[in-house]
Amino acid sequence: MKVKWQIYLFVSIILGVAFFYRTNWAAAQEGDPPRFEENEYFHVEEELTANGVTLHKMVIGGPPQRPTLLGTENSSGGVQAAATTQLNVPTSEWSFGCSATSAAMIAGYYDRNGYANMYVGPTDDGIYPMTSNWGYYVDTAGDSIAKNPLSASHEGMDGRMTKGGVDDYWVSYDTGGPHDPWYGNWAEHSYEYTTGDFMHTNQWDHGYENSDGATSFYYNNNNTKLYCSYIESFGLSDGTVGFKDFYESRGYTVSDCFYQLTDTQVSGGFSFADFKAEIDSGHPVMVHLEGHTIVGTGYNDSVNPPVIYLNDTWNNTPNHSMEWSATSTYAGMKLAAVSIVHIADAPYSAPSNDEITSAQSISSLPFNVNSAETRGASTAYDDPEINDCGVTKGIGSVWYTYTHSGGNSAIAIDTSGSDFDTFIAIWTGSRGNLTLVGCSNTANNSEVGGFQISDGTYYIEIGKAE
């Protein structure tokens, strides 16, 4: 008797459309250098690569609470007109870094809009909530910091049973070096599930030298885009590359990935028209200020200068705003740059057998699925770890169930023909209390041949091997 699956994935590329927009509001002039104003939350530096290339880097470490000595929310001081276009992006308080938290809000938006598996915890049935509310963590300095398992993980939060990013990297805000807490004390956890891990937020070791709360970003000191592939060509990573790596860890393909100064800093940089095109295409924008990272969610182009709308980590509510101009500030901080990371895959709904509790029943053998779309499949918070065949926990698994009677028999399962590296695991028991019977993880396809089973109910898990 043989059970056979052939699982195929089809990836479509989302093509960007160029928009052009003319205004008479203030922007940087041709030939002007960047107008950075460094402060205690923001500085720029140069880094020499191993082969002698000089890279520019800005370090952004926006604090957990809004600085009381800085300016008003928007330098105009007035209430802006309502946004003409706005995306419904989840909000979150500052959770172990403004850049990582902003990335978590963006990933949470995609999690709620057809890109499953960004958030994999138990809250709200595994769907990232519109308003984060995981409580607070009190650090060694006595500061209360909002928890967000998509931004930074730690033992005991949201069902996690092992050490995470907070345990390994965090001491207190602005603490840096000589080593992270894990160093010389326990094994560092593997990057998984959080934007902060991949963006190297709070990480001092491995050459990142990010103090607690900070994230670093490489940039071109002109109006051009610095593509992630160029950074990676030196064996380096930063916040933008890390955000790409996070998406890829969740099973997605990334198309565009770059960092660019805004045209309020350098003439010809990322413009309001570019921002508008991102929002119109359904993409929230990671916006970097001189000392803080926020999420661009919408705009109003009926006023001059135009206004962008924001989710800010200093407040767990939407609809903050600032003008897009060279003289405008948000909390006293000017626009600096953006990180653009696009997911190439089209959004998909979760398959009907995404969860073990809705496993597709196999009534008789042989059983065959010629093609199954699995891109919308998620990884549940309690999907079991496998370990025995080189898979810790698969990405985007689907489930089948088979009840066998008639005594001891051999069963063969085959996923040959799939266009990604599959794994197969066979379990007995129930959700949250499963026992591994057998598994297989070979390159490009998996087989379990001649496996002996007895009377009883079995769950068959198929997913993408990490």
Protein backbone atom coordinates (compact mmCIF):
# COMPACT_ATOMS: atom_id res chain seq x y z
CA MET A 1 0.00 0.00 0.00
CA LYS A 2 1.35 3.39 -0.93
CA VAL A 3 0.34 6.93 -0.05
CA LYS A 4 1.61 9.56 -2.44
CA TRP A 5 1.62 13.35 -2.39
CA GLN A 6 2.89 15.66 -5.06
CA ILE A 7 3.05 19.16 -3.63
CA TYR A 8 3.89 22.01 -5.96
CA LEU A 9 4.48 25.69 -5.20
CA PHE A 10 3.94 28.47 -7.70
CA VAL A 11 5.52 31.87 -6.96
CA SER A 12 4.35 35.00 -8.67
CA ILE A 13 6.32 38.21 -8.67
CA ILE A 14 4.63 41.43 -7.63
CA LEU A 15 5.77 44.11 -10.04
CA GLY A 16 6.16 47.64 -8.76
CA VAL A 17 4.72 50.58 -10.68
CA ALA A 18 6.57 53.88 -10.75
CA PHE A 19 4.72 57.03 -9.72
CA PHE A 20 5.84 60.62 -10.07
CA TYR A 21 4.58 63.47 -7.94
CA ARG A 22 5.52 67.15 -8.05
CA THR A 23 5.18 69.56 -5.15
CA ASN A 24 6.66 72.85 -4.10
CA TRP A 25 7.50 71.83 -0.54
CA ALA A 26 11.04 71.99 0.78
CA ALA A 27 13.39 69.15 -0.13
CA ALA A 28 17.13 68.71 -0.17
CA GLN A 29 18.89 70.55 -2.99
CA GLU A 30 21.05 68.95 -5.67
CA GLY A 31 24.54 68.25 -4.37
CA ASP A 32 23.68 68.78 -0.70
CA PRO A 33 25.20 66.24 1.71
CA PRO A 34 22.86 64.41 4.12
CA ARG A 35 21.51 66.75 6.77
CA PHE A 36 21.90 64.35 9.69
CA GLU A 37 21.63 65.76 13.19
CA GLU A 38 23.15 63.20 15.56
CA ASN A 39 21.82 62.86 19.08
CA GLU A 40 21.91 60.38 21.94
CA TYR A 41 19.55 58.07 20.03
CA PHE A 42 21.18 58.32 16.61
CA HIS A 43 24.68 58.38 15.20
CA VAL A 44 26.45 57.59 11.95
CA GLU A 45 29.80 55.94 11.43
CA GLU A 46 32.02 54.42 8.77
CA GLU A 47 33.06 50.78 8.59
CA LEU A 48 35.95 49.37 6.59
CA THR A 49 35.30 45.94 5.08
CA ALA A 50 37.94 43.22 4.91
CA ASN A 51 38.69 44.09 1.29
CA GLY A 52 39.05 47.81 1.91
CA VAL A 53 35.60 49.14 0.97
CA THR A 54 34.20 51.88 3.21
CA LEU A 55 30.55 51.46 4.18
CA HIS A 56 28.38 54.05 5.91
CA LYS A 57 26.26 52.91 8.83
CA MET A 58 23.65 54.58 11.00
CA VAL A 59 22.74 53.26 14.43
CA ILE A 60 19.18 53.92 15.60
CA GLY A 61 18.33 53.36 19.25
CA GLY A 62 15.01 55.05 19.90
CA PRO A 63 14.19 54.83 23.63
CA PRO A 64 11.33 52.82 25.20
CA GLN A 65 9.36 55.96 26.05
CA ARG A 66 8.92 59.22 24.22
CA PRO A 67 11.73 61.64 25.21
CA THR A 68 10.14 64.46 27.19
CA LEU A 69 12.68 67.08 26.08
CA LEU A 70 12.10 66.63 22.35
CA GLY A 71 9.58 68.44 20.18
CA THR A 72 5.90 67.86 19.64
CA GLU A 73 4.64 64.93 17.59
CA ASN A 74 4.66 66.96 14.40
CA SER A 75 6.59 70.19 14.11
CA SER A 76 3.51 71.88 12.65
CA GLY A 77 1.89 71.48 16.04
CA GLY A 78 -1.59 71.24 14.56
CA VAL A 79 -4.07 68.45 13.94
CA GLN A 80 -3.62 67.13 10.42
CA ALA A 81 -6.42 66.40 7.98
CA ALA A 82 -7.60 62.80 7.80
CA ALA A 83 -5.55 60.38 5.74
CA THR A 84 -6.78 59.96 2.19
CA THR A 85 -5.29 56.47 1.98
CA GLN A 86 -4.34 54.30 4.95
CA LEU A 87 -3.49 50.65 5.61
CA ASN A 88 -4.87 48.84 8.64
CA VAL A 89 -1.56 48.00 10.32
CA PRO A 90 -1.41 46.49 13.84
CA THR A 91 0.02 48.63 16.64
CA SER A 92 2.55 47.75 19.30
CA GLU A 93 4.33 49.43 22.15
CA TRP A 94 8.13 49.54 22.11
CA SER A 95 9.34 45.97 22.65
CA PHE A 96 13.12 45.66 22.95
CA GLY A 97 13.95 48.01 20.10
CA CYS A 98 11.98 50.46 17.97
CA SER A 99 13.27 49.01 14.69
CA ALA A 100 12.46 45.41 15.60
CA THR A 101 9.03 46.45 16.92
CA SER A 102 8.28 48.38 13.73
CA ALA A 103 9.27 45.33 11.69
CA ALA A 104 6.96 43.22 13.87
CA MET A 105 4.03 45.55 13.13
CA ILE A 106 4.72 45.24 9.39
CA ALA A 107 5.07 41.45 9.58
CA GLY A 108 1.90 41.34 11.68
CA TYR A 109 0.08 43.25 8.95
CA TYR A 110 1.11 40.65 6.38
CA ASP A 111 0.22 37.85 8.80
CA ARG A 112 -3.34 39.19 8.81
CA ASN A 113 -3.43 39.68 5.04
CA GLY A 114 -2.74 36.37 3.39
CA TYR A 115 0.86 35.72 4.48
CA ALA A 116 0.44 33.09 7.17
CA ASN A 117 3.23 31.95 9.44
CA MET A 118 4.68 35.35 10.35
CA TYR A 119 3.37 34.99 13.89
CA VAL A 120 3.28 31.41 15.18
CA GLY A 121 2.19 31.78 18.81
CA PRO A 122 -1.09 30.76 20.51
CA THR A 123 -2.61 34.23 20.93
CA ASP A 124 -5.81 34.88 18.95
CA ASP A 125 -5.65 31.40 17.39
CA GLY A 126 -2.25 32.12 15.88
CA ILE A 127 -3.25 35.35 14.08
CA TYR A 128 -1.23 38.43 15.01
CA PRO A 129 -3.52 40.78 16.98
CA MET A 130 -4.33 44.34 15.90
CA THR A 131 -3.22 45.66 19.29
CA SER A 132 -0.39 43.97 21.16
CA ASN A 133 -1.23 43.10 24.75
CA TRP A 134 1.21 40.51 26.08
CA GLY A 135 1.97 42.34 29.30
CA TYR A 136 5.29 43.71 30.47
CA TYR A 137 8.78 42.50 31.31
CA VAL A 138 10.72 44.12 34.16
CA ASP A 139 14.46 44.15 33.49
CA THR A 140 17.40 44.40 35.86
CA ALA A 141 17.20 48.20 35.82
CA GLY A 142 13.58 48.03 36.97
CA ASP A 143 12.19 49.25 33.64
CA SER A 144 8.89 47.80 32.40
CA ILE A 145 9.08 46.88 28.73
CA ALA A 146 6.16 45.70 26.62
CA LYS A 147 6.30 42.07 25.51
CA ASN A 148 5.84 41.22 21.84
CA PRO A 149 6.81 37.68 20.75
CA LEU A 150 7.14 38.77 17.12
CA SER A 151 9.71 41.41 18.09
CA ALA A 152 11.71 39.63 20.82
CA SER A 153 11.25 36.24 22.47
CA HIS A 154 12.04 35.12 26.00
CA GLU A 155 11.50 32.07 28.13
CA GLY A 156 8.01 31.85 29.58
CA MET A 157 6.35 34.27 27.15
CA ASP A 158 3.63 33.20 24.74
CA GLY A 159 4.22 29.49 25.32
CA ARG A 160 8.01 29.56 24.84
CA MET A 161 9.81 27.00 27.04
CA THR A 162 13.45 27.85 26.23
CA LYS A 163 15.64 30.94 26.32
CA GLY A 164 15.10 33.54 23.60
CA GLY A 165 16.38 36.91 22.46
CA VAL A 166 15.59 38.81 25.66
CA ASP A 167 17.37 36.18 27.76
CA ASP A 168 20.40 36.10 25.45
CA TYR A 169 20.88 39.78 24.59
CA TRP A 170 19.04 42.14 26.94
CA VAL A 171 20.37 43.78 30.12
CA SER A 172 18.83 47.26 30.14
CA TYR A 173 18.26 50.04 27.65
CA ASP A 174 21.48 51.43 26.11
CA THR A 175 23.70 48.79 27.74
CA GLY A 176 26.42 47.66 25.36
CA GLY A 177 29.31 45.19 25.67
CA PRO A 178 31.69 43.83 26.43
CA HIS A 179 29.47 40.78 25.76
CA ASP A 180 25.83 39.75 25.62
CA PRO A 181 24.44 37.83 28.65
CA TRP A 182 24.63 34.45 26.89
CA TYR A 183 28.35 34.77 26.21
CA GLY A 184 30.30 32.29 28.34
CA ASN A 185 27.18 31.33 30.29
CA TRP A 186 24.92 29.26 28.04
CA ALA A 187 24.43 28.38 24.39
CA GLU A 188 22.96 31.20 22.30
CA HIS A 189 19.52 30.35 20.94
CA SER A 190 19.03 29.93 17.19
CA TYR A 191 17.37 32.79 15.33
CA GLU A 192 13.69 31.97 15.01
CA TYR A 193 10.24 33.55 15.00
CA THR A 194 11.26 37.16 15.82
CA THR A 195 12.28 40.17 13.78
CA GLY A 196 14.75 41.27 16.45
CA ASP A 197 16.75 38.06 16.15
CA PHE A 198 17.35 38.42 12.43
CA MET A 199 17.82 42.20 12.53
CA HIS A 200 20.49 41.78 15.25
CA THR A 201 18.73 44.27 17.50
CA ASN A 202 20.38 44.44 20.98
CA GLN A 203 23.14 42.07 19.83
CA TRP A 204 26.69 43.07 20.77
CA ASP A 205 28.64 39.93 19.95
CA HIS A 206 29.44 38.56 16.46
CA GLY A 207 30.67 42.04 15.56
CA TYR A 208 27.25 43.73 15.54
CA GLU A 209 27.94 45.98 18.56
CA ASN A 210 24.31 47.05 18.93
CA SER A 211 23.63 48.30 22.44
CA ASP A 212 20.33 47.31 24.03
CA GLY A 213 17.53 48.94 22.04
CA ALA A 214 19.65 49.70 18.98
CA THR A 215 19.71 48.40 15.39
CA SER A 216 22.29 49.26 12.71
CA PHE A 217 21.62 50.03 9.06
CA TYR A 218 24.12 50.43 6.22
CA TYR A 219 23.37 53.16 3.69
CA ASN A 220 24.74 54.93 0.63
CA ASN A 221 25.83 58.49 1.41
CA ASN A 222 23.90 59.76 -1.61
CA ASN A 223 20.46 59.37 -3.19
CA THR A 224 20.92 55.79 -4.46
CA LYS A 225 19.48 52.59 -3.06
CA LEU A 226 21.79 50.31 -1.07
CA TYR A 227 20.64 46.83 -2.01
CA CYS A 228 20.75 43.99 0.48
CA SER A 229 22.67 41.84 -1.97
CA TYR A 230 25.56 44.33 -1.89
CA ILE A 231 25.74 44.22 1.91
CA GLU A 232 25.64 40.44 1.82
CA SER A 233 28.47 40.35 -0.75
CA PHE A 234 30.81 41.42 2.09
CA GLY A 235 29.46 38.72 4.41
CA LEU A 236 27.65 41.39 6.43
CA SER A 237 24.13 41.84 7.71
CA ASP A 238 22.13 44.71 9.21
CA GLY A 239 18.56 45.62 10.07
CA THR A 240 17.32 45.65 6.47
CA VAL A 241 19.06 42.41 5.47
CA GLY A 242 17.85 40.88 8.71
CA PHE A 243 14.24 41.79 7.94
CA LYS A 244 14.63 40.00 4.61
CA ASP A 245 16.12 37.01 6.40
CA PHE A 246 13.14 36.95 8.75
CA TYR A 247 10.69 36.74 5.84
CA GLU A 248 12.76 34.00 4.25
CA SER A 249 12.82 32.08 7.54
CA ARG A 250 9.03 32.04 7.41
CA GLY A 251 9.11 30.39 3.98
CA TYR A 252 8.71 33.42 1.70
CA THR A 253 10.74 34.76 -1.20
CA VAL A 254 11.88 38.39 -1.09
CA SER A 255 12.11 40.51 -4.23
CA ASP A 256 13.03 44.14 -3.48
CA CYS A 257 15.33 44.74 -0.53
CA PHE A 258 17.11 48.07 -0.10
CA TYR A 259 17.84 51.00 2.19
CA GLN A 260 17.63 54.57 0.90
CA LEU A 261 17.97 58.05 2.32
CA THR A 262 14.91 60.26 1.89
CA ASP A 263 14.84 63.26 -0.43
CA THR A 264 14.53 65.41 2.68
CA GLN A 265 18.17 64.46 3.28
CA VAL A 266 19.58 64.21 -0.26
CA SER A 267 18.12 65.41 -3.55
CA GLY A 268 16.70 62.52 -5.57
CA GLY A 269 16.34 60.24 -2.57
CA PHE A 270 13.25 58.27 -1.54
CA SER A 271 10.39 60.71 -2.09
CA PHE A 272 6.85 61.24 -0.95
CA ALA A 273 5.80 59.91 -4.37
CA ASP A 274 7.73 56.73 -3.61
CA PHE A 275 6.08 56.50 -0.19
CA LYS A 276 2.68 57.02 -1.77
CA ALA A 277 3.34 54.25 -4.30
CA GLU A 278 4.29 51.84 -1.52
CA ILE A 279 1.07 52.50 0.40
CA ASP A 280 -1.05 52.32 -2.76
CA SER A 281 0.51 48.90 -3.46
CA GLY A 282 -0.44 47.66 0.02
CA HIS A 283 3.03 47.90 1.57
CA PRO A 284 3.56 49.55 4.97
CA VAL A 285 6.88 51.42 5.04
CA MET A 286 9.62 51.14 7.65
CA VAL A 287 10.52 54.80 8.19
CA HIS A 288 13.72 55.81 9.97
CA LEU A 289 14.03 59.12 11.77
CA GLU A 290 17.16 60.61 13.28
CA GLY A 291 16.76 58.57 16.46
CA HIS A 292 13.66 56.42 16.04
CA THR A 293 12.01 53.90 13.68
CA ILE A 294 8.29 54.02 12.93
CA VAL A 295 5.85 52.49 10.43
CA GLY A 296 4.33 54.50 7.60
CA THR A 297 0.71 53.43 7.13
CA GLY A 298 -0.96 56.12 5.02
CA TYR A 299 -0.85 59.61 3.58
CA ASN A 300 -2.76 62.77 2.78
CA ASP A 301 -1.64 64.36 -0.47
CA SER A 302 -4.36 67.04 -0.50
CA VAL A 303 -2.30 69.34 1.76
CA ASN A 304 1.05 71.04 1.20
CA PRO A 305 3.41 69.80 2.44
CA PRO A 306 1.89 66.33 2.25
CA VAL A 307 1.37 64.34 5.45
CA ILE A 308 2.26 60.74 6.19
CA TYR A 309 0.48 58.69 8.84
CA LEU A 310 2.32 56.45 11.24
CA ASN A 311 2.24 53.74 13.85
CA ASP A 312 4.67 54.71 16.60
CA THR A 313 6.11 52.37 19.25
CA TRP A 314 5.73 55.08 21.91
CA ASN A 315 1.96 54.70 21.77
CA ASN A 316 -0.16 51.63 21.15
CA THR A 317 -2.59 53.53 18.91
CA PRO A 318 -2.56 54.36 15.17
CA ASN A 319 -2.89 57.64 13.27
CA HIS A 320 0.18 59.60 14.33
CA SER A 321 1.38 61.97 11.63
CA MET A 322 4.17 64.12 10.30
CA GLU A 323 4.73 66.32 7.29
CA TRP A 324 7.04 65.13 4.52
CA SER A 325 9.53 68.00 4.17
CA ALA A 326 13.14 68.81 4.93
CA THR A 327 12.18 71.05 7.84
CA SER A 328 9.50 68.90 9.51
CA THR A 329 10.18 66.68 12.49
CA TYR A 330 8.44 64.01 14.51
CA ALA A 331 9.20 64.38 18.24
CA GLY A 332 12.06 66.65 17.21
CA MET A 333 13.56 64.09 14.82
CA LYS A 334 13.83 64.59 11.06
CA LEU A 335 13.17 62.00 8.36
CA ALA A 336 16.33 60.07 7.53
CA ALA A 337 15.72 56.94 5.45
CA VAL A 338 13.51 53.95 4.68
CA SER A 339 13.96 50.18 4.60
CA ILE A 340 12.03 48.57 1.74
CA VAL A 341 11.60 44.78 1.82
CA HIS A 342 8.96 43.25 -0.47
CA ILE A 343 7.64 39.72 -0.34
CA ALA A 344 7.53 38.33 -3.88
CA ASP A 345 4.97 35.62 -3.19
CA ALA A 346 1.30 36.41 -3.71
CA PRO A 347 -0.86 36.06 -0.59
CA TYR A 348 -2.63 32.76 -0.09
CA SER A 349 -5.27 31.46 2.26
CA ALA A 350 -4.45 28.67 4.66
CA PRO A 351 -5.29 25.19 3.34
CA SER A 352 -8.17 23.37 5.02
CA ASN A 353 -5.78 20.88 6.65
CA ASP A 354 -3.39 23.51 8.00
CA GLU A 355 -3.99 22.42 11.62
CA ILE A 356 -3.80 18.94 13.12
CA THR A 357 -7.33 19.39 14.46
CA SER A 358 -8.57 19.74 10.86
CA ALA A 359 -6.37 17.02 9.37
CA GLN A 360 -7.64 15.58 6.08
CA SER A 361 -8.90 12.05 6.61
CA ILE A 362 -7.50 9.21 4.50
CA SER A 363 -10.31 6.71 4.33
CA SER A 364 -8.61 4.03 2.24
CA LEU A 365 -5.36 3.15 0.52
CA PRO A 366 -3.88 3.84 -1.92
CA PHE A 367 -4.40 7.59 -1.53
CA ASN A 368 -3.04 10.22 -3.89
CA VAL A 369 -2.90 14.04 -4.02
CA ASN A 370 -1.63 15.15 -7.40
CA SER A 371 -1.04 18.76 -6.38
CA ALA A 372 -1.56 20.65 -3.14
CA GLU A 373 -1.03 24.41 -2.64
CA THR A 374 0.74 24.86 0.69
CA ARG A 375 2.01 28.45 0.59
CA GLY A 376 -0.72 29.59 2.95
CA ALA A 377 0.09 26.87 5.46
CA SER A 378 1.32 28.04 8.85
CA THR A 379 3.42 26.72 11.70
CA ALA A 380 1.26 26.42 14.82
CA TYR A 381 2.70 27.38 18.19
CA ASP A 382 2.36 23.77 19.39
CA ASP A 383 3.49 22.01 16.23
CA PRO A 384 5.84 19.36 17.63
CA GLU A 385 9.60 19.48 17.31
CA ILE A 386 11.00 16.53 15.40
CA ASN A 387 14.80 16.55 15.88
CA ASP A 388 15.25 12.88 14.89
CA CYS A 389 15.72 13.58 11.18
CA GLY A 390 17.33 17.01 11.12
CA VAL A 391 14.16 19.07 11.35
CA THR A 392 13.52 21.11 14.48
CA LYS A 393 10.10 22.35 13.44
CA GLY A 394 8.88 22.49 9.87
CA ILE A 395 7.61 25.53 8.02
CA GLY A 396 4.03 25.59 6.79
CA SER A 397 2.96 22.04 7.55
CA VAL A 398 -0.26 20.34 6.45
CA TRP A 399 -1.83 17.34 8.18
CA TYR A 400 -3.50 14.07 7.25
CA THR A 401 -4.94 11.37 9.46
CA TYR A 402 -5.26 7.65 8.81
CA THR A 403 -6.87 5.02 11.02
CA HIS A 404 -5.49 1.55 10.40
CA SER A 405 -7.08 -1.79 11.20
CA GLY A 406 -6.16 -5.31 10.23
CA GLY A 407 -3.00 -5.86 12.21
CA ASN A 408 0.61 -5.09 11.47
CA SER A 409 1.22 -3.67 7.99
CA ALA A 410 3.75 -1.68 6.02
CA ILE A 411 2.94 1.82 4.78
CA ALA A 412 4.87 3.85 2.20
CA ILE A 413 4.61 7.65 1.91
CA ASP A 414 6.17 9.52 -0.97
CA THR A 415 6.38 13.26 -1.77
CA SER A 416 8.58 12.91 -4.86
CA GLY A 417 7.89 15.64 -7.39
CA SER A 418 7.47 18.44 -4.87
CA ASP A 419 9.35 21.62 -5.77
CA PHE A 420 10.72 22.29 -2.29
CA ASP A 421 12.57 20.30 0.35
CA THR A 422 9.77 18.44 2.13
CA PHE A 423 9.80 16.43 5.30
CA ILE A 424 7.37 13.76 6.47
CA ALA A 425 6.61 12.92 10.08
CA ILE A 426 4.21 10.29 11.42
CA TRP A 427 2.69 10.78 14.87
CA THR A 428 0.32 9.16 17.32
CA GLY A 429 -1.52 10.86 20.16
CA SER A 430 -3.36 14.19 20.10
CA ARG A 431 -2.57 17.86 19.62
CA GLY A 432 -0.09 19.01 22.22
CA ASN A 433 0.70 15.43 23.23
CA LEU A 434 2.12 13.73 20.15
CA THR A 435 4.61 10.87 19.95
CA LEU A 436 6.87 10.58 16.92
CA VAL A 437 6.60 7.25 15.15
CA GLY A 438 8.84 7.98 12.19
CA CYS A 439 10.14 10.78 10.00
CA SER A 440 12.04 11.41 6.79
CA ASN A 441 13.96 14.40 5.49
CA THR A 442 16.02 13.90 2.35
CA ALA A 443 17.03 16.45 -0.27
CA ASN A 444 14.13 17.72 -2.42
CA ASN A 445 11.74 14.91 -1.47
CA SER A 446 11.04 12.55 1.37
CA GLU A 447 10.05 8.92 1.63
CA VAL A 448 9.11 6.56 4.39
CA GLY A 449 9.20 3.10 2.86
CA GLY A 450 8.14 -0.20 4.38
CA PHE A 451 7.29 1.40 7.70
CA GLN A 452 5.49 -0.94 10.09
CA ILE A 453 2.24 0.23 11.67
CA SER A 454 -0.30 -1.48 13.83
CA ASP A 455 -3.97 -0.84 14.54
CA GLY A 456 -4.69 2.75 15.56
CA THR A 457 -4.91 6.35 14.39
CA TYR A 458 -1.90 8.10 12.88
CA TYR A 459 -1.26 11.74 12.01
CA ILE A 460 0.92 12.45 8.99
CA GLU A 461 2.62 15.85 8.86
CA ILE A 462 4.13 17.22 5.65
CA GLY A 463 5.97 20.54 5.53
CA LYS A 464 9.00 22.42 4.36
CA ALA A 465 12.23 21.44 6.08
CA GLU A 466 14.13 24.35 7.67
